[in-house]
Amino acid sequence: MSETPMTAAAPSGRVSIVTGAARGIGAAVARRLASDGFAVGVLDLDEAACAGTVGAIEAAGGRAVAVGVDVADADGVAAAVARVAETLGGPTVLVNNAGITRDNLLFKMTEDDWDSVMNVHLRGSFLMSRACQKYMTEAKWGRIVNLSSTSALGNRGQANYSAAKAGLQGFTKTLAIELGKFGVTVNAIAPGFIQTDMTKATAERLGVPFEAFIEHSAKEIPVARVGQPEDIAATVSFFARDEAGFVSGQVVYVAGGPKD
């Protein structure tokens, strides 16, 4: 992958945090924000796994730090955000991307399947947003972007994931109301089929070759292709701009076509 040169899109000194940024959508978002001029806190459960993302950002002339954290752990989140603030500066952009799946039909779904998904998606986004809002409200400027999903509209075998992603949409709209007066916008992105390790795992669970899964899915999408992590990163980039300051409390479906 070619390196993206740094730009001056973000005012000097602005810092972002992206969770689940070791790979996939999170890594693409972290690289894009860095190319837009933000320093980036690259957070993931495994700090060592963030080396590739941090290395790509630094090779292109940006600033980044890798931090390992379980976003569902309150003390760990507080320590991770403090470390980013001490290393790069106070974060004023937060992208809540960390997520897991524990798919199963309702009668097979365990309490742990349910709790694990809720803890990462909902509790994690709550803890990260609570920890970062301090820096945003003090700066009188901030951006929170939550990663929802088209599964929020319902998807067989994903009662836990669908509920969590729908919950993030309500969370987004409420934070937009609460934080707007401080110059902080809060929006959500609901991706459709994005070609990542997570969708590859779904294909494996269904017993379908990944390439066949992609080909079949593309036929169901109006733009006739599946999404790439960079498609989501571009939407995050828009929300993070000064020019997007009048856009808040919105859920944008980035799915190659309309969604109900």
C-alpha atoms as a PDB file:
ATOM      1  CA  MET A   1       0.000   0.000   0.000  1.00  0.00           C
ATOM      2  CA  SER A   2       1.382   3.418  -0.930  1.00  0.00           C
ATOM      3  CA  GLU A   3       2.044   5.911   1.790  1.00  0.00           C
ATOM      4  CA  THR A   4      -0.310   8.865   2.070  1.00  0.00           C
ATOM      5  CA  PRO A   5       1.451  12.221   2.540  1.00  0.00           C
ATOM      6  CA  MET A   6       0.441  14.290   5.519  1.00  0.00           C
ATOM      7  CA  THR A   7      -1.833  17.251   4.853  1.00  0.00           C
ATOM      8  CA  ALA A   8      -2.688  20.359   6.829  1.00  0.00           C
ATOM      9  CA  ALA A   9      -6.411  19.587   7.073  1.00  0.00           C
ATOM     10  CA  ALA A  10      -6.368  19.419  10.866  1.00  0.00           C
ATOM     11  CA  PRO A  11      -5.116  22.423  12.853  1.00  0.00           C
ATOM     12  CA  SER A  12      -1.724  21.768  14.393  1.00  0.00           C
ATOM     13  CA  GLY A  13      -1.843  19.889  17.659  1.00  0.00           C
ATOM     14  CA  ARG A  14      -5.193  18.134  17.300  1.00  0.00           C
ATOM     15  CA  VAL A  15      -5.200  14.588  18.581  1.00  0.00           C
ATOM     16  CA  SER A  16      -7.484  11.677  17.761  1.00  0.00           C
ATOM     17  CA  ILE A  17      -8.097   8.252  19.263  1.00  0.00           C
ATOM     18  CA  VAL A  18      -9.285   5.253  17.276  1.00  0.00           C
ATOM     19  CA  THR A  19     -10.241   2.046  19.070  1.00  0.00           C
ATOM     20  CA  GLY A  20      -9.894  -1.341  17.418  1.00  0.00           C
ATOM     21  CA  ALA A  21      -7.219   0.239  15.241  1.00  0.00           C
ATOM     22  CA  ALA A  22      -4.802  -2.665  14.800  1.00  0.00           C
ATOM     23  CA  ARG A  23      -6.449  -3.811  11.561  1.00  0.00           C
ATOM     24  CA  GLY A  24      -9.427  -3.482   9.258  1.00  0.00           C
ATOM     25  CA  ILE A  25     -11.667  -0.440   9.495  1.00  0.00           C
ATOM     26  CA  GLY A  26      -9.900   0.935  12.572  1.00  0.00           C
ATOM     27  CA  ALA A  27      -6.472   0.837  10.941  1.00  0.00           C
ATOM     28  CA  ALA A  28      -7.813   2.549   7.807  1.00  0.00           C
ATOM     29  CA  VAL A  29      -9.460   5.259   9.920  1.00  0.00           C
ATOM     30  CA  ALA A  30      -6.277   5.840  11.920  1.00  0.00           C
ATOM     31  CA  ARG A  31      -4.219   6.199   8.731  1.00  0.00           C
ATOM     32  CA  ARG A  32      -6.763   8.567   7.191  1.00  0.00           C
ATOM     33  CA  LEU A  33      -6.934  10.813  10.254  1.00  0.00           C
ATOM     34  CA  ALA A  34      -3.143  10.930  10.308  1.00  0.00           C
ATOM     35  CA  SER A  35      -3.119  11.940   6.628  1.00  0.00           C
ATOM     36  CA  ASP A  36      -5.606  14.674   7.564  1.00  0.00           C
ATOM     37  CA  GLY A  37      -3.105  16.043  10.067  1.00  0.00           C
ATOM     38  CA  PHE A  38      -4.200  14.489  13.352  1.00  0.00           C
ATOM     39  CA  ALA A  39      -1.868  12.768  15.788  1.00  0.00           C
ATOM     40  CA  VAL A  40      -3.421   9.368  16.471  1.00  0.00           C
ATOM     41  CA  GLY A  41      -3.751   7.214  19.550  1.00  0.00           C
ATOM     42  CA  VAL A  42      -3.944   3.713  18.071  1.00  0.00           C
ATOM     43  CA  LEU A  43      -5.839   1.579  20.583  1.00  0.00           C
ATOM     44  CA  ASP A  44      -6.499  -2.133  20.514  1.00  0.00           C
ATOM     45  CA  LEU A  45      -6.703  -5.047  22.924  1.00  0.00           C
ATOM     46  CA  ASP A  46      -3.207  -6.173  21.888  1.00  0.00           C
ATOM     47  CA  GLU A  47      -0.764  -3.273  21.904  1.00  0.00           C
ATOM     48  CA  ALA A  48       1.818  -5.178  19.857  1.00  0.00           C
ATOM     49  CA  ALA A  49      -0.747  -5.701  17.085  1.00  0.00           C
ATOM     50  CA  CYS A  50      -0.915  -1.905  16.617  1.00  0.00           C
ATOM     51  CA  ALA A  51       2.693  -1.719  15.412  1.00  0.00           C
ATOM     52  CA  GLY A  52       1.745  -1.948  11.738  1.00  0.00           C
ATOM     53  CA  THR A  53      -0.723   0.920  11.948  1.00  0.00           C
ATOM     54  CA  VAL A  54       1.640   3.116  13.941  1.00  0.00           C
ATOM     55  CA  GLY A  55       4.515   2.278  11.614  1.00  0.00           C
ATOM     56  CA  ALA A  56       2.503   3.242   8.526  1.00  0.00           C
ATOM     57  CA  ILE A  57       1.524   6.562  10.082  1.00  0.00           C
ATOM     58  CA  GLU A  58       5.061   7.400  11.176  1.00  0.00           C
ATOM     59  CA  ALA A  59       6.521   6.357   7.801  1.00  0.00           C
ATOM     60  CA  ALA A  60       4.226   8.903   6.159  1.00  0.00           C
ATOM     61  CA  GLY A  61       5.382  11.643   8.508  1.00  0.00           C
ATOM     62  CA  GLY A  62       2.638  11.489  11.148  1.00  0.00           C
ATOM     63  CA  ARG A  63       2.594  11.049  14.901  1.00  0.00           C
ATOM     64  CA  ALA A  64       1.025   8.045  16.587  1.00  0.00           C
ATOM     65  CA  VAL A  65       1.230   5.930  19.703  1.00  0.00           C
ATOM     66  CA  ALA A  66       0.074   2.357  20.268  1.00  0.00           C
ATOM     67  CA  VAL A  67      -1.859   1.643  23.461  1.00  0.00           C
ATOM     68  CA  GLY A  68      -3.235  -1.698  24.568  1.00  0.00           C
ATOM     69  CA  VAL A  69      -6.604  -1.535  26.305  1.00  0.00           C
ATOM     70  CA  ASP A  70      -9.744  -3.502  26.984  1.00  0.00           C
ATOM     71  CA  VAL A  71     -12.347  -0.846  26.237  1.00  0.00           C
ATOM     72  CA  ALA A  72     -14.805  -2.536  28.594  1.00  0.00           C
ATOM     73  CA  ASP A  73     -12.478  -1.977  31.577  1.00  0.00           C
ATOM     74  CA  ALA A  74     -13.016   1.406  33.212  1.00  0.00           C
ATOM     75  CA  ASP A  75      -9.600   1.701  34.856  1.00  0.00           C
ATOM     76  CA  GLY A  76      -7.879   0.536  31.680  1.00  0.00           C
ATOM     77  CA  VAL A  77      -9.734   3.105  29.583  1.00  0.00           C
ATOM     78  CA  ALA A  78      -8.869   5.925  31.956  1.00  0.00           C
ATOM     79  CA  ALA A  79      -5.197   4.924  31.880  1.00  0.00           C
ATOM     80  CA  ALA A  80      -5.158   4.553  28.080  1.00  0.00           C
ATOM     81  CA  VAL A  81      -6.703   7.954  27.426  1.00  0.00           C
ATOM     82  CA  ALA A  82      -4.347   9.566  29.963  1.00  0.00           C
ATOM     83  CA  ARG A  83      -1.387   7.959  28.203  1.00  0.00           C
ATOM     84  CA  VAL A  84      -2.470   9.336  24.830  1.00  0.00           C
ATOM     85  CA  ALA A  85      -2.955  12.778  26.369  1.00  0.00           C
ATOM     86  CA  GLU A  86       0.495  12.707  27.984  1.00  0.00           C
ATOM     87  CA  THR A  87       2.207  11.449  24.826  1.00  0.00           C
ATOM     88  CA  LEU A  88       0.412  13.306  22.041  1.00  0.00           C
ATOM     89  CA  GLY A  89      -1.879  15.846  23.710  1.00  0.00           C
ATOM     90  CA  GLY A  90      -5.517  15.944  24.784  1.00  0.00           C
ATOM     91  CA  PRO A  91      -7.713  13.950  22.370  1.00  0.00           C
ATOM     92  CA  THR A  92     -10.519  15.913  20.729  1.00  0.00           C
ATOM     93  CA  VAL A  93     -11.535  13.292  18.153  1.00  0.00           C
ATOM     94  CA  LEU A  94     -12.703   9.849  19.235  1.00  0.00           C
ATOM     95  CA  VAL A  95     -13.690   7.031  16.910  1.00  0.00           C
ATOM     96  CA  ASN A  96     -15.398   4.178  18.774  1.00  0.00           C
ATOM     97  CA  ASN A  97     -14.654   1.345  16.385  1.00  0.00           C
ATOM     98  CA  ALA A  98     -13.689  -1.581  18.649  1.00  0.00           C
ATOM     99  CA  GLY A  99     -16.068  -4.475  18.188  1.00  0.00           C
ATOM    100  CA  ILE A 100     -16.497  -8.214  18.283  1.00  0.00           C
ATOM    101  CA  THR A 101     -19.062 -10.718  17.072  1.00  0.00           C
ATOM    102  CA  ARG A 102     -20.434 -13.760  18.883  1.00  0.00           C
ATOM    103  CA  ASP A 103     -23.070 -14.786  16.343  1.00  0.00           C
ATOM    104  CA  ASN A 104     -25.675 -17.429  17.023  1.00  0.00           C
ATOM    105  CA  LEU A 105     -29.393 -18.000  16.858  1.00  0.00           C
ATOM    106  CA  LEU A 106     -31.220 -16.912  19.992  1.00  0.00           C
ATOM    107  CA  PHE A 107     -31.834 -20.400  21.383  1.00  0.00           C
ATOM    108  CA  LYS A 108     -28.104 -21.189  21.057  1.00  0.00           C
ATOM    109  CA  MET A 109     -26.800 -17.842  22.281  1.00  0.00           C
ATOM    110  CA  THR A 110     -25.167 -17.918  25.709  1.00  0.00           C
ATOM    111  CA  GLU A 111     -25.159 -15.196  28.338  1.00  0.00           C
ATOM    112  CA  ASP A 112     -21.441 -14.763  27.681  1.00  0.00           C
ATOM    113  CA  ASP A 113     -22.129 -14.315  23.945  1.00  0.00           C
ATOM    114  CA  TRP A 114     -24.571 -11.543  24.826  1.00  0.00           C
ATOM    115  CA  ASP A 115     -22.519  -9.858  27.545  1.00  0.00           C
ATOM    116  CA  SER A 116     -19.237  -9.906  25.625  1.00  0.00           C
ATOM    117  CA  VAL A 117     -20.737  -8.101  22.631  1.00  0.00           C
ATOM    118  CA  MET A 118     -22.586  -5.566  24.792  1.00  0.00           C
ATOM    119  CA  ASN A 119     -19.497  -4.871  26.867  1.00  0.00           C
ATOM    120  CA  VAL A 120     -17.214  -4.110  23.941  1.00  0.00           C
ATOM    121  CA  HIS A 121     -19.652  -2.158  21.779  1.00  0.00           C
ATOM    122  CA  LEU A 122     -21.826  -0.313  24.291  1.00  0.00           C
ATOM    123  CA  ARG A 123     -19.905  -0.238  27.563  1.00  0.00           C
ATOM    124  CA  GLY A 124     -16.673   0.386  25.649  1.00  0.00           C
ATOM    125  CA  SER A 125     -18.096   3.314  23.696  1.00  0.00           C
ATOM    126  CA  PHE A 126     -19.579   4.750  26.889  1.00  0.00           C
ATOM    127  CA  LEU A 127     -16.306   4.498  28.817  1.00  0.00           C
ATOM    128  CA  MET A 128     -14.193   5.881  25.979  1.00  0.00           C
ATOM    129  CA  SER A 129     -16.581   8.780  25.346  1.00  0.00           C
ATOM    130  CA  ARG A 130     -16.784   9.636  29.025  1.00  0.00           C
ATOM    131  CA  ALA A 131     -13.000   9.667  29.329  1.00  0.00           C
ATOM    132  CA  CYS A 132     -12.439  11.774  26.209  1.00  0.00           C
ATOM    133  CA  GLN A 133     -15.257  14.314  26.564  1.00  0.00           C
ATOM    134  CA  LYS A 134     -13.267  16.145  29.243  1.00  0.00           C
ATOM    135  CA  TYR A 135     -10.648  17.184  26.712  1.00  0.00           C
ATOM    136  CA  MET A 136     -13.272  18.086  24.118  1.00  0.00           C
ATOM    137  CA  THR A 137     -15.416  20.251  26.390  1.00  0.00           C
ATOM    138  CA  GLU A 138     -12.338  22.044  27.721  1.00  0.00           C
ATOM    139  CA  ALA A 139     -11.222  22.757  24.141  1.00  0.00           C
ATOM    140  CA  LYS A 140     -14.766  23.801  23.142  1.00  0.00           C
ATOM    141  CA  TRP A 141     -14.312  21.556  20.088  1.00  0.00           C
ATOM    142  CA  GLY A 142     -14.644  17.842  19.611  1.00  0.00           C
ATOM    143  CA  ARG A 143     -15.810  15.005  17.407  1.00  0.00           C
ATOM    144  CA  ILE A 144     -17.112  11.594  18.439  1.00  0.00           C
ATOM    145  CA  VAL A 145     -17.846   9.043  15.720  1.00  0.00           C
ATOM    146  CA  ASN A 146     -19.451   5.739  16.704  1.00  0.00           C
ATOM    147  CA  LEU A 147     -19.361   2.706  14.425  1.00  0.00           C
ATOM    148  CA  SER A 148     -22.816   1.187  14.155  1.00  0.00           C
ATOM    149  CA  SER A 149     -23.824  -1.265  11.397  1.00  0.00           C
ATOM    150  CA  THR A 150     -26.604  -2.089   8.973  1.00  0.00           C
ATOM    151  CA  SER A 151     -27.180  -5.010  11.370  1.00  0.00           C
ATOM    152  CA  ALA A 152     -28.843  -2.450  13.650  1.00  0.00           C
ATOM    153  CA  LEU A 153     -31.854  -2.918  11.364  1.00  0.00           C
ATOM    154  CA  GLY A 154     -31.932  -6.623  12.248  1.00  0.00           C
ATOM    155  CA  ASN A 155     -29.914  -9.598  11.060  1.00  0.00           C
ATOM    156  CA  ARG A 156     -30.498 -13.298  11.573  1.00  0.00           C
ATOM    157  CA  GLY A 157     -28.114 -14.835  14.081  1.00  0.00           C
ATOM    158  CA  GLN A 158     -27.016 -11.485  15.489  1.00  0.00           C
ATOM    159  CA  ALA A 159     -29.478 -10.600  18.241  1.00  0.00           C
ATOM    160  CA  ASN A 160     -26.602  -9.403  20.432  1.00  0.00           C
ATOM    161  CA  TYR A 161     -24.687  -7.525  17.726  1.00  0.00           C
ATOM    162  CA  SER A 162     -27.839  -5.963  16.240  1.00  0.00           C
ATOM    163  CA  ALA A 163     -29.024  -4.788  19.650  1.00  0.00           C
ATOM    164  CA  ALA A 164     -25.608  -3.327  20.455  1.00  0.00           C
ATOM    165  CA  LYS A 165     -25.353  -1.488  17.140  1.00  0.00           C
ATOM    166  CA  ALA A 166     -28.897  -0.134  17.467  1.00  0.00           C
ATOM    167  CA  GLY A 167     -28.029   0.963  20.990  1.00  0.00           C
ATOM    168  CA  LEU A 168     -25.061   2.904  19.660  1.00  0.00           C
ATOM    169  CA  GLN A 169     -27.403   4.902  17.466  1.00  0.00           C
ATOM    170  CA  GLY A 170     -29.456   5.992  20.479  1.00  0.00           C
ATOM    171  CA  PHE A 171     -26.240   6.681  22.384  1.00  0.00           C
ATOM    172  CA  THR A 172     -25.030   8.844  19.479  1.00  0.00           C
ATOM    173  CA  LYS A 173     -28.179  10.970  19.349  1.00  0.00           C
ATOM    174  CA  THR A 174     -28.218  11.505  23.101  1.00  0.00           C
ATOM    175  CA  LEU A 175     -24.572  12.568  23.285  1.00  0.00           C
ATOM    176  CA  ALA A 176     -25.176  14.946  20.377  1.00  0.00           C
ATOM    177  CA  ILE A 177     -27.864  16.663  22.473  1.00  0.00           C
ATOM    178  CA  GLU A 178     -25.749  16.766  25.632  1.00  0.00           C
ATOM    179  CA  LEU A 179     -22.420  17.836  24.140  1.00  0.00           C
ATOM    180  CA  GLY A 180     -23.490  20.158  21.322  1.00  0.00           C
ATOM    181  CA  LYS A 181     -23.291  23.315  23.425  1.00  0.00           C
ATOM    182  CA  PHE A 182     -19.605  22.591  24.018  1.00  0.00           C
ATOM    183  CA  GLY A 183     -18.782  22.538  20.322  1.00  0.00           C
ATOM    184  CA  VAL A 184     -18.746  18.743  20.226  1.00  0.00           C
ATOM    185  CA  THR A 185     -20.532  16.843  17.467  1.00  0.00           C
ATOM    186  CA  VAL A 186     -21.464  13.169  17.741  1.00  0.00           C
ATOM    187  CA  ASN A 187     -22.361  11.051  14.739  1.00  0.00           C
ATOM    188  CA  ALA A 188     -22.543   7.396  13.779  1.00  0.00           C
ATOM    189  CA  ILE A 189     -21.548   5.450  10.709  1.00  0.00           C
ATOM    190  CA  ALA A 190     -23.408   2.247   9.884  1.00  0.00           C
ATOM    191  CA  PRO A 191     -21.316   0.234   7.421  1.00  0.00           C
ATOM    192  CA  GLY A 192     -22.790  -2.390   5.175  1.00  0.00           C
ATOM    193  CA  PHE A 193     -20.616  -5.219   3.833  1.00  0.00           C
ATOM    194  CA  ILE A 194     -16.994  -4.158   4.328  1.00  0.00           C
ATOM    195  CA  GLN A 195     -14.216  -6.519   3.278  1.00  0.00           C
ATOM    196  CA  THR A 196     -12.394  -7.203   6.546  1.00  0.00           C
ATOM    197  CA  ASP A 197     -11.258 -10.078   8.738  1.00  0.00           C
ATOM    198  CA  MET A 198     -14.626  -9.879  10.493  1.00  0.00           C
ATOM    199  CA  THR A 199     -16.623 -10.493   7.324  1.00  0.00           C
ATOM    200  CA  LYS A 200     -14.157 -13.220   6.395  1.00  0.00           C
ATOM    201  CA  ALA A 201     -14.936 -14.890   9.723  1.00  0.00           C
ATOM    202  CA  THR A 202     -18.643 -14.653   8.926  1.00  0.00           C
ATOM    203  CA  ALA A 203     -18.054 -16.438   5.623  1.00  0.00           C
ATOM    204  CA  GLU A 204     -16.114 -19.149   7.438  1.00  0.00           C
ATOM    205  CA  ARG A 205     -18.934 -19.544   9.952  1.00  0.00           C
ATOM    206  CA  LEU A 206     -21.367 -20.006   7.067  1.00  0.00           C
ATOM    207  CA  GLY A 207     -19.041 -22.451   5.354  1.00  0.00           C
ATOM    208  CA  VAL A 208     -18.718 -20.266   2.256  1.00  0.00           C
ATOM    209  CA  PRO A 209     -15.428 -19.378   0.491  1.00  0.00           C
ATOM    210  CA  PHE A 210     -14.694 -15.714   1.142  1.00  0.00           C
ATOM    211  CA  GLU A 211     -14.348 -14.777  -2.543  1.00  0.00           C
ATOM    212  CA  ALA A 212     -17.713 -16.395  -3.295  1.00  0.00           C
ATOM    213  CA  PHE A 213     -19.203 -14.570  -0.299  1.00  0.00           C
ATOM    214  CA  ILE A 214     -17.890 -11.257  -1.653  1.00  0.00           C
ATOM    215  CA  GLU A 215     -19.135 -11.963  -5.178  1.00  0.00           C
ATOM    216  CA  HIS A 216     -22.615 -12.902  -3.984  1.00  0.00           C
ATOM    217  CA  SER A 217     -22.828  -9.888  -1.656  1.00  0.00           C
ATOM    218  CA  ALA A 218     -21.707  -7.468  -4.382  1.00  0.00           C
ATOM    219  CA  LYS A 219     -24.617  -8.582  -6.568  1.00  0.00           C
ATOM    220  CA  GLU A 220     -27.030  -7.466  -3.824  1.00  0.00           C
ATOM    221  CA  ILE A 221     -25.497  -3.984  -3.500  1.00  0.00           C
ATOM    222  CA  PRO A 222     -26.661  -1.191  -5.844  1.00  0.00           C
ATOM    223  CA  VAL A 223     -23.128   0.065  -6.564  1.00  0.00           C
ATOM    224  CA  ALA A 224     -22.170  -3.534  -7.464  1.00  0.00           C
ATOM    225  CA  ARG A 225     -19.225  -3.883  -5.134  1.00  0.00           C
ATOM    226  CA  VAL A 226     -18.532  -4.531  -1.476  1.00  0.00           C
ATOM    227  CA  GLY A 227     -17.108  -1.795   0.706  1.00  0.00           C
ATOM    228  CA  GLN A 228     -13.501  -1.310   1.726  1.00  0.00           C
ATOM    229  CA  PRO A 229     -12.197   0.025   5.053  1.00  0.00           C
ATOM    230  CA  GLU A 230     -11.144   3.199   3.247  1.00  0.00           C
ATOM    231  CA  ASP A 231     -14.804   3.918   2.428  1.00  0.00           C
ATOM    232  CA  ILE A 232     -15.532   4.187   6.142  1.00  0.00           C
ATOM    233  CA  ALA A 233     -12.348   6.127   6.802  1.00  0.00           C
ATOM    234  CA  ALA A 234     -13.401   8.758   4.260  1.00  0.00           C
ATOM    235  CA  THR A 235     -16.713   9.254   6.071  1.00  0.00           C
ATOM    236  CA  VAL A 236     -14.945   9.600   9.426  1.00  0.00           C
ATOM    237  CA  SER A 237     -12.667  12.167   7.807  1.00  0.00           C
ATOM    238  CA  PHE A 238     -15.699  14.258   6.852  1.00  0.00           C
ATOM    239  CA  PHE A 239     -17.201  14.150  10.344  1.00  0.00           C
ATOM    240  CA  ALA A 240     -13.866  15.186  11.872  1.00  0.00           C
ATOM    241  CA  ARG A 241     -13.583  18.378   9.835  1.00  0.00           C
ATOM    242  CA  ASP A 242     -14.362  21.875  11.050  1.00  0.00           C
ATOM    243  CA  GLU A 243     -16.734  22.182   8.076  1.00  0.00           C
ATOM    244  CA  ALA A 244     -18.892  19.383   9.508  1.00  0.00           C
ATOM    245  CA  GLY A 245     -19.626  21.338  12.674  1.00  0.00           C
ATOM    246  CA  PHE A 246     -23.338  21.685  11.879  1.00  0.00           C
ATOM    247  CA  VAL A 247     -23.789  17.932  11.374  1.00  0.00           C
ATOM    248  CA  SER A 248     -24.538  16.116  14.614  1.00  0.00           C
ATOM    249  CA  GLY A 249     -26.706  13.285  15.895  1.00  0.00           C
ATOM    250  CA  GLN A 250     -26.768  11.654  12.476  1.00  0.00           C
ATOM    251  CA  VAL A 251     -26.479   8.012  11.422  1.00  0.00           C
ATOM    252  CA  VAL A 252     -25.004   7.607   7.951  1.00  0.00           C
ATOM    253  CA  TYR A 253     -25.405   4.233   6.284  1.00  0.00           C
ATOM    254  CA  VAL A 254     -22.298   3.610   4.212  1.00  0.00           C
ATOM    255  CA  ALA A 255     -23.568   0.540   2.427  1.00  0.00           C
ATOM    256  CA  GLY A 256     -23.475   1.128  -1.311  1.00  0.00           C
ATOM    257  CA  GLY A 257     -27.187   1.856  -1.448  1.00  0.00           C
ATOM    258  CA  PRO A 258     -30.202   2.955   0.597  1.00  0.00           C
ATOM    259  CA  LYS A 259     -31.172   1.272   3.852  1.00  0.00           C
ATOM    260  CA  ASP A 260     -34.529   1.513   5.622  1.00  0.00           C
END
